[in-house]
């Protein structure tokens, strides 16, 4: 056995935990640092919902297919039902509760979903909000994108109620609102009056 193989094996053995063991994690959730001891197999969705009482993250399929459990980990969308809480140690997690501004002002995606009536039962909405808020950071052409293109971009989230028409409209509206917000922040102090 080579020295690097021995070191790798030793590291792997050092991280093996039993079913009753607890692992201390430190994770930033919605801007607040949280330190908890958790079982190694505790899912992030369960950690958020049951330990931190952030129940906006919904659990639908528990297989990573429906998108209802989508959160951001270090700014990237992730399925919290497929992620162990211990995997977020040292990382930043943002849930739907962390989308609105500190003063309570709704995020452009939240405003758009409200304005466009892009929900019915609301179960899938938190996952859509998280996915679309990230999509806005990746694409600057959503205001004029074709419906089929938007549908493809949100295909990782399933809605059983709406038929997606209003959700597609909300994505486009969110892009408009985000653009308006960006235009305001980019203006000079003299332009803002």
C-alpha atoms as a PDB file:
ATOM      1  CA  UNK A   1       0.000   0.000   0.000  1.00  0.00           C
ATOM      2  CA  UNK A   2       1.397   3.411  -0.918  1.00  0.00           C
ATOM      3  CA  UNK A   3       1.615   6.258   1.555  1.00  0.00           C
ATOM      4  CA  UNK A   4      -1.181   8.252  -0.170  1.00  0.00           C
ATOM      5  CA  UNK A   5      -3.445   5.167  -0.203  1.00  0.00           C
ATOM      6  CA  UNK A   6      -2.787   4.672   3.504  1.00  0.00           C
ATOM      7  CA  UNK A   7      -3.619   8.308   4.200  1.00  0.00           C
ATOM      8  CA  UNK A   8      -6.823   8.078   2.130  1.00  0.00           C
ATOM      9  CA  UNK A   9      -7.870   4.871   3.916  1.00  0.00           C
ATOM     10  CA  UNK A  10      -7.128   6.432   7.311  1.00  0.00           C
ATOM     11  CA  UNK A  11      -9.179   9.509   6.394  1.00  0.00           C
ATOM     12  CA  UNK A  12     -12.092   7.348   5.230  1.00  0.00           C
ATOM     13  CA  UNK A  13     -11.985   5.302   8.436  1.00  0.00           C
ATOM     14  CA  UNK A  14     -11.896   8.499  10.489  1.00  0.00           C
ATOM     15  CA  UNK A  15     -15.160   9.658   8.895  1.00  0.00           C
ATOM     16  CA  UNK A  16     -17.140   6.465   9.392  1.00  0.00           C
ATOM     17  CA  UNK A  17     -19.971   6.996  11.834  1.00  0.00           C
ATOM     18  CA  UNK A  18     -22.409   4.671  13.490  1.00  0.00           C
ATOM     19  CA  UNK A  19     -26.172   5.149  13.428  1.00  0.00           C
ATOM     20  CA  UNK A  20     -26.173   6.714  16.895  1.00  0.00           C
ATOM     21  CA  UNK A  21     -23.207   9.040  16.369  1.00  0.00           C
ATOM     22  CA  UNK A  22     -23.634  12.780  16.065  1.00  0.00           C
ATOM     23  CA  UNK A  23     -21.524  15.070  13.904  1.00  0.00           C
ATOM     24  CA  UNK A  24     -21.039  18.722  14.724  1.00  0.00           C
ATOM     25  CA  UNK A  25     -21.696  21.007  11.771  1.00  0.00           C
ATOM     26  CA  UNK A  26     -21.465  24.736  11.278  1.00  0.00           C
ATOM     27  CA  UNK A  27     -23.479  26.115   8.401  1.00  0.00           C
ATOM     28  CA  UNK A  28     -24.701  29.566   7.464  1.00  0.00           C
ATOM     29  CA  UNK A  29     -28.453  29.452   6.859  1.00  0.00           C
ATOM     30  CA  UNK A  30     -30.080  32.576   5.477  1.00  0.00           C
ATOM     31  CA  UNK A  31     -27.224  34.683   6.821  1.00  0.00           C
ATOM     32  CA  UNK A  32     -27.173  33.174  10.326  1.00  0.00           C
ATOM     33  CA  UNK A  33     -24.420  30.805  11.433  1.00  0.00           C
ATOM     34  CA  UNK A  34     -25.889  27.643  12.933  1.00  0.00           C
ATOM     35  CA  UNK A  35     -23.940  25.084  14.974  1.00  0.00           C
ATOM     36  CA  UNK A  36     -25.680  21.764  15.583  1.00  0.00           C
ATOM     37  CA  UNK A  37     -24.877  18.138  16.269  1.00  0.00           C
ATOM     38  CA  UNK A  38     -26.687  15.971  13.753  1.00  0.00           C
ATOM     39  CA  UNK A  39     -26.830  12.302  12.780  1.00  0.00           C
ATOM     40  CA  UNK A  40     -24.702  11.702   9.668  1.00  0.00           C
ATOM     41  CA  UNK A  41     -27.694  10.472   7.651  1.00  0.00           C
ATOM     42  CA  UNK A  42     -29.993  13.402   8.493  1.00  0.00           C
ATOM     43  CA  UNK A  43     -31.204  14.945   5.260  1.00  0.00           C
ATOM     44  CA  UNK A  44     -30.794  18.676   4.775  1.00  0.00           C
ATOM     45  CA  UNK A  45     -34.546  18.980   4.170  1.00  0.00           C
ATOM     46  CA  UNK A  46     -35.249  17.396   7.565  1.00  0.00           C
ATOM     47  CA  UNK A  47     -32.567  19.505   9.246  1.00  0.00           C
ATOM     48  CA  UNK A  48     -34.104  22.691   7.842  1.00  0.00           C
ATOM     49  CA  UNK A  49     -37.702  21.748   8.550  1.00  0.00           C
ATOM     50  CA  UNK A  50     -37.459  19.948  11.895  1.00  0.00           C
ATOM     51  CA  UNK A  51     -34.336  21.333  13.558  1.00  0.00           C
ATOM     52  CA  UNK A  52     -34.424  24.923  12.315  1.00  0.00           C
ATOM     53  CA  UNK A  53     -38.211  25.154  11.794  1.00  0.00           C
ATOM     54  CA  UNK A  54     -37.759  26.563   8.281  1.00  0.00           C
ATOM     55  CA  UNK A  55     -40.800  24.834   6.874  1.00  0.00           C
ATOM     56  CA  UNK A  56     -40.863  26.703   3.566  1.00  0.00           C
ATOM     57  CA  UNK A  57     -38.664  23.982   2.084  1.00  0.00           C
ATOM     58  CA  UNK A  58     -41.180  21.327   1.067  1.00  0.00           C
ATOM     59  CA  UNK A  59     -40.581  17.618   0.653  1.00  0.00           C
ATOM     60  CA  UNK A  60     -42.502  16.005  -2.189  1.00  0.00           C
ATOM     61  CA  UNK A  61     -41.008  12.991  -3.916  1.00  0.00           C
ATOM     62  CA  UNK A  62     -37.924  12.469  -1.685  1.00  0.00           C
ATOM     63  CA  UNK A  63     -36.053  11.355  -4.827  1.00  0.00           C
ATOM     64  CA  UNK A  64     -34.883  14.720  -6.189  1.00  0.00           C
ATOM     65  CA  UNK A  65     -37.377  14.687  -9.050  1.00  0.00           C
ATOM     66  CA  UNK A  66     -40.106  17.178  -8.132  1.00  0.00           C
ATOM     67  CA  UNK A  67     -37.990  20.180  -7.106  1.00  0.00           C
ATOM     68  CA  UNK A  68     -40.153  21.178  -4.128  1.00  0.00           C
ATOM     69  CA  UNK A  69     -37.152  20.906  -1.785  1.00  0.00           C
ATOM     70  CA  UNK A  70     -34.828  23.149  -3.820  1.00  0.00           C
ATOM     71  CA  UNK A  71     -32.533  25.410  -1.798  1.00  0.00           C
ATOM     72  CA  UNK A  72     -29.308  27.222  -2.670  1.00  0.00           C
ATOM     73  CA  UNK A  73     -25.998  25.876  -1.383  1.00  0.00           C
ATOM     74  CA  UNK A  74     -23.234  28.416  -1.941  1.00  0.00           C
ATOM     75  CA  UNK A  75     -25.482  30.123  -4.479  1.00  0.00           C
ATOM     76  CA  UNK A  76     -26.253  27.020  -6.536  1.00  0.00           C
ATOM     77  CA  UNK A  77     -29.627  25.234  -6.576  1.00  0.00           C
ATOM     78  CA  UNK A  78     -29.609  21.879  -4.807  1.00  0.00           C
ATOM     79  CA  UNK A  79     -32.171  19.282  -3.813  1.00  0.00           C
ATOM     80  CA  UNK A  80     -32.255  19.246  -0.027  1.00  0.00           C
ATOM     81  CA  UNK A  81     -33.909  15.812  -0.027  1.00  0.00           C
ATOM     82  CA  UNK A  82     -30.768  14.345  -1.632  1.00  0.00           C
ATOM     83  CA  UNK A  83     -28.238  16.232   0.492  1.00  0.00           C
ATOM     84  CA  UNK A  84     -27.124  15.216   3.949  1.00  0.00           C
ATOM     85  CA  UNK A  85     -26.972  18.040   6.488  1.00  0.00           C
ATOM     86  CA  UNK A  86     -23.328  17.126   7.242  1.00  0.00           C
ATOM     87  CA  UNK A  87     -22.450  17.899   3.617  1.00  0.00           C
ATOM     88  CA  UNK A  88     -23.301  21.554   4.225  1.00  0.00           C
ATOM     89  CA  UNK A  89     -20.689  21.968   6.979  1.00  0.00           C
ATOM     90  CA  UNK A  90     -18.752  25.127   6.172  1.00  0.00           C
ATOM     91  CA  UNK A  91     -21.160  26.190   3.426  1.00  0.00           C
ATOM     92  CA  UNK A  92     -23.951  28.751   2.920  1.00  0.00           C
ATOM     93  CA  UNK A  93     -27.554  27.576   2.574  1.00  0.00           C
ATOM     94  CA  UNK A  94     -30.373  29.840   1.465  1.00  0.00           C
ATOM     95  CA  UNK A  95     -33.984  28.760   1.775  1.00  0.00           C
ATOM     96  CA  UNK A  96     -37.154  30.383   0.499  1.00  0.00           C
ATOM     97  CA  UNK A  97     -37.412  32.171   3.856  1.00  0.00           C
ATOM     98  CA  UNK A  98     -34.158  33.934   2.970  1.00  0.00           C
ATOM     99  CA  UNK A  99     -35.308  35.332  -0.380  1.00  0.00           C
ATOM    100  CA  UNK A 100     -37.053  38.473   0.857  1.00  0.00           C
ATOM    101  CA  UNK A 101     -34.964  41.474   1.881  1.00  0.00           C
ATOM    102  CA  UNK A 102     -34.287  42.148   5.556  1.00  0.00           C
ATOM    103  CA  UNK A 103     -36.876  44.933   5.490  1.00  0.00           C
ATOM    104  CA  UNK A 104     -39.486  42.447   4.276  1.00  0.00           C
ATOM    105  CA  UNK A 105     -39.526  43.624   0.660  1.00  0.00           C
ATOM    106  CA  UNK A 106     -40.291  40.679  -1.590  1.00  0.00           C
ATOM    107  CA  UNK A 107     -37.660  39.331  -3.957  1.00  0.00           C
ATOM    108  CA  UNK A 108     -38.521  40.025  -7.636  1.00  0.00           C
ATOM    109  CA  UNK A 109     -39.415  36.339  -8.099  1.00  0.00           C
ATOM    110  CA  UNK A 110     -41.795  36.416  -5.140  1.00  0.00           C
ATOM    111  CA  UNK A 111     -43.399  39.611  -6.442  1.00  0.00           C
ATOM    112  CA  UNK A 112     -43.747  38.130  -9.925  1.00  0.00           C
ATOM    113  CA  UNK A 113     -45.362  34.916  -8.693  1.00  0.00           C
ATOM    114  CA  UNK A 114     -47.806  36.985  -6.660  1.00  0.00           C
ATOM    115  CA  UNK A 115     -48.599  39.413  -9.501  1.00  0.00           C
ATOM    116  CA  UNK A 116     -49.003  36.648 -12.092  1.00  0.00           C
ATOM    117  CA  UNK A 117     -50.990  34.288  -9.846  1.00  0.00           C
ATOM    118  CA  UNK A 118     -48.389  31.608 -10.518  1.00  0.00           C
ATOM    119  CA  UNK A 119     -49.573  29.194  -7.869  1.00  0.00           C
ATOM    120  CA  UNK A 120     -52.617  27.293  -6.806  1.00  0.00           C
ATOM    121  CA  UNK A 121     -52.046  24.931  -3.909  1.00  0.00           C
ATOM    122  CA  UNK A 122     -48.586  26.423  -3.320  1.00  0.00           C
ATOM    123  CA  UNK A 123     -46.782  23.176  -2.515  1.00  0.00           C
ATOM    124  CA  UNK A 124     -44.326  23.482  -5.392  1.00  0.00           C
ATOM    125  CA  UNK A 125     -43.935  27.255  -5.105  1.00  0.00           C
ATOM    126  CA  UNK A 126     -40.900  27.412  -2.752  1.00  0.00           C
ATOM    127  CA  UNK A 127     -38.914  25.153  -5.075  1.00  0.00           C
ATOM    128  CA  UNK A 128     -39.894  27.213  -8.107  1.00  0.00           C
ATOM    129  CA  UNK A 129     -38.956  30.434  -6.316  1.00  0.00           C
ATOM    130  CA  UNK A 130     -35.502  29.090  -5.480  1.00  0.00           C
ATOM    131  CA  UNK A 131     -34.914  27.676  -8.963  1.00  0.00           C
ATOM    132  CA  UNK A 132     -36.119  30.796 -10.761  1.00  0.00           C
ATOM    133  CA  UNK A 133     -34.183  33.162  -8.475  1.00  0.00           C
ATOM    134  CA  UNK A 134     -31.011  31.317  -9.467  1.00  0.00           C
ATOM    135  CA  UNK A 135     -32.059  31.256 -13.128  1.00  0.00           C
ATOM    136  CA  UNK A 136     -32.247  35.067 -13.049  1.00  0.00           C
ATOM    137  CA  UNK A 137     -28.564  35.177 -12.134  1.00  0.00           C
ATOM    138  CA  UNK A 138     -27.663  32.859 -15.024  1.00  0.00           C
ATOM    139  CA  UNK A 139     -29.780  34.258 -17.855  1.00  0.00           C
ATOM    140  CA  UNK A 140     -30.264  37.866 -18.852  1.00  0.00           C
ATOM    141  CA  UNK A 141     -32.600  37.141 -21.761  1.00  0.00           C
ATOM    142  CA  UNK A 142     -35.636  35.815 -19.891  1.00  0.00           C
ATOM    143  CA  UNK A 143     -37.716  38.933 -20.587  1.00  0.00           C
ATOM    144  CA  UNK A 144     -37.854  37.966 -24.261  1.00  0.00           C
ATOM    145  CA  UNK A 145     -37.293  34.203 -24.085  1.00  0.00           C
ATOM    146  CA  UNK A 146     -39.802  31.935 -25.822  1.00  0.00           C
ATOM    147  CA  UNK A 147     -42.292  30.092 -23.628  1.00  0.00           C
ATOM    148  CA  UNK A 148     -40.769  26.752 -24.665  1.00  0.00           C
ATOM    149  CA  UNK A 149     -37.329  27.943 -23.563  1.00  0.00           C
ATOM    150  CA  UNK A 150     -38.613  29.033 -20.162  1.00  0.00           C
ATOM    151  CA  UNK A 151     -40.481  25.748 -19.750  1.00  0.00           C
ATOM    152  CA  UNK A 152     -37.266  23.884 -20.473  1.00  0.00           C
ATOM    153  CA  UNK A 153     -35.392  25.965 -17.904  1.00  0.00           C
ATOM    154  CA  UNK A 154     -37.930  25.193 -15.157  1.00  0.00           C
ATOM    155  CA  UNK A 155     -38.438  21.539 -16.126  1.00  0.00           C
ATOM    156  CA  UNK A 156     -36.690  20.403 -12.928  1.00  0.00           C
ATOM    157  CA  UNK A 157     -39.703  21.571 -10.922  1.00  0.00           C
ATOM    158  CA  UNK A 158     -43.072  19.877 -11.124  1.00  0.00           C
ATOM    159  CA  UNK A 159     -46.429  21.581 -10.591  1.00  0.00           C
ATOM    160  CA  UNK A 160     -49.545  19.437 -10.621  1.00  0.00           C
ATOM    161  CA  UNK A 161     -52.051  22.294 -10.455  1.00  0.00           C
ATOM    162  CA  UNK A 162     -51.325  25.216 -12.726  1.00  0.00           C
ATOM    163  CA  UNK A 163     -50.544  23.996 -16.222  1.00  0.00           C
ATOM    164  CA  UNK A 164     -47.448  26.244 -16.062  1.00  0.00           C
ATOM    165  CA  UNK A 165     -48.897  29.176 -18.064  1.00  0.00           C
ATOM    166  CA  UNK A 166     -48.830  31.588 -15.147  1.00  0.00           C
ATOM    167  CA  UNK A 167     -45.490  30.232 -13.938  1.00  0.00           C
ATOM    168  CA  UNK A 168     -43.949  30.974 -17.334  1.00  0.00           C
ATOM    169  CA  UNK A 169     -45.459  34.465 -17.185  1.00  0.00           C
ATOM    170  CA  UNK A 170     -44.048  34.894 -13.675  1.00  0.00           C
ATOM    171  CA  UNK A 171     -40.547  33.937 -14.831  1.00  0.00           C
ATOM    172  CA  UNK A 172     -40.715  36.586 -17.524  1.00  0.00           C
ATOM    173  CA  UNK A 173     -42.140  39.145 -15.067  1.00  0.00           C
ATOM    174  CA  UNK A 174     -39.441  38.307 -12.506  1.00  0.00           C
ATOM    175  CA  UNK A 175     -36.822  39.053 -15.155  1.00  0.00           C
ATOM    176  CA  UNK A 176     -38.484  42.424 -15.793  1.00  0.00           C
ATOM    177  CA  UNK A 177     -38.612  43.248 -12.074  1.00  0.00           C
ATOM    178  CA  UNK A 178     -35.017  42.137 -11.530  1.00  0.00           C
ATOM    179  CA  UNK A 179     -33.984  44.305 -14.477  1.00  0.00           C
ATOM    180  CA  UNK A 180     -35.796  47.282 -12.979  1.00  0.00           C
ATOM    181  CA  UNK A 181     -34.047  46.703  -9.641  1.00  0.00           C
ATOM    182  CA  UNK A 182     -30.676  46.449 -11.364  1.00  0.00           C
ATOM    183  CA  UNK A 183     -31.372  49.634 -13.330  1.00  0.00           C
ATOM    184  CA  UNK A 184     -32.132  51.506 -10.086  1.00  0.00           C
ATOM    185  CA  UNK A 185     -28.998  50.303  -8.304  1.00  0.00           C
ATOM    186  CA  UNK A 186     -26.785  51.070 -11.296  1.00  0.00           C
ATOM    187  CA  UNK A 187     -27.985  54.657 -11.592  1.00  0.00           C
ATOM    188  CA  UNK A 188     -25.772  57.376 -10.198  1.00  0.00           C
ATOM    189  CA  UNK A 189     -26.773  59.242  -7.013  1.00  0.00           C
ATOM    190  CA  UNK A 190     -27.704  62.296  -9.121  1.00  0.00           C
ATOM    191  CA  UNK A 191     -30.084  60.186 -11.235  1.00  0.00           C
ATOM    192  CA  UNK A 192     -31.798  58.819  -8.130  1.00  0.00           C
ATOM    193  CA  UNK A 193     -32.542  62.321  -6.893  1.00  0.00           C
END
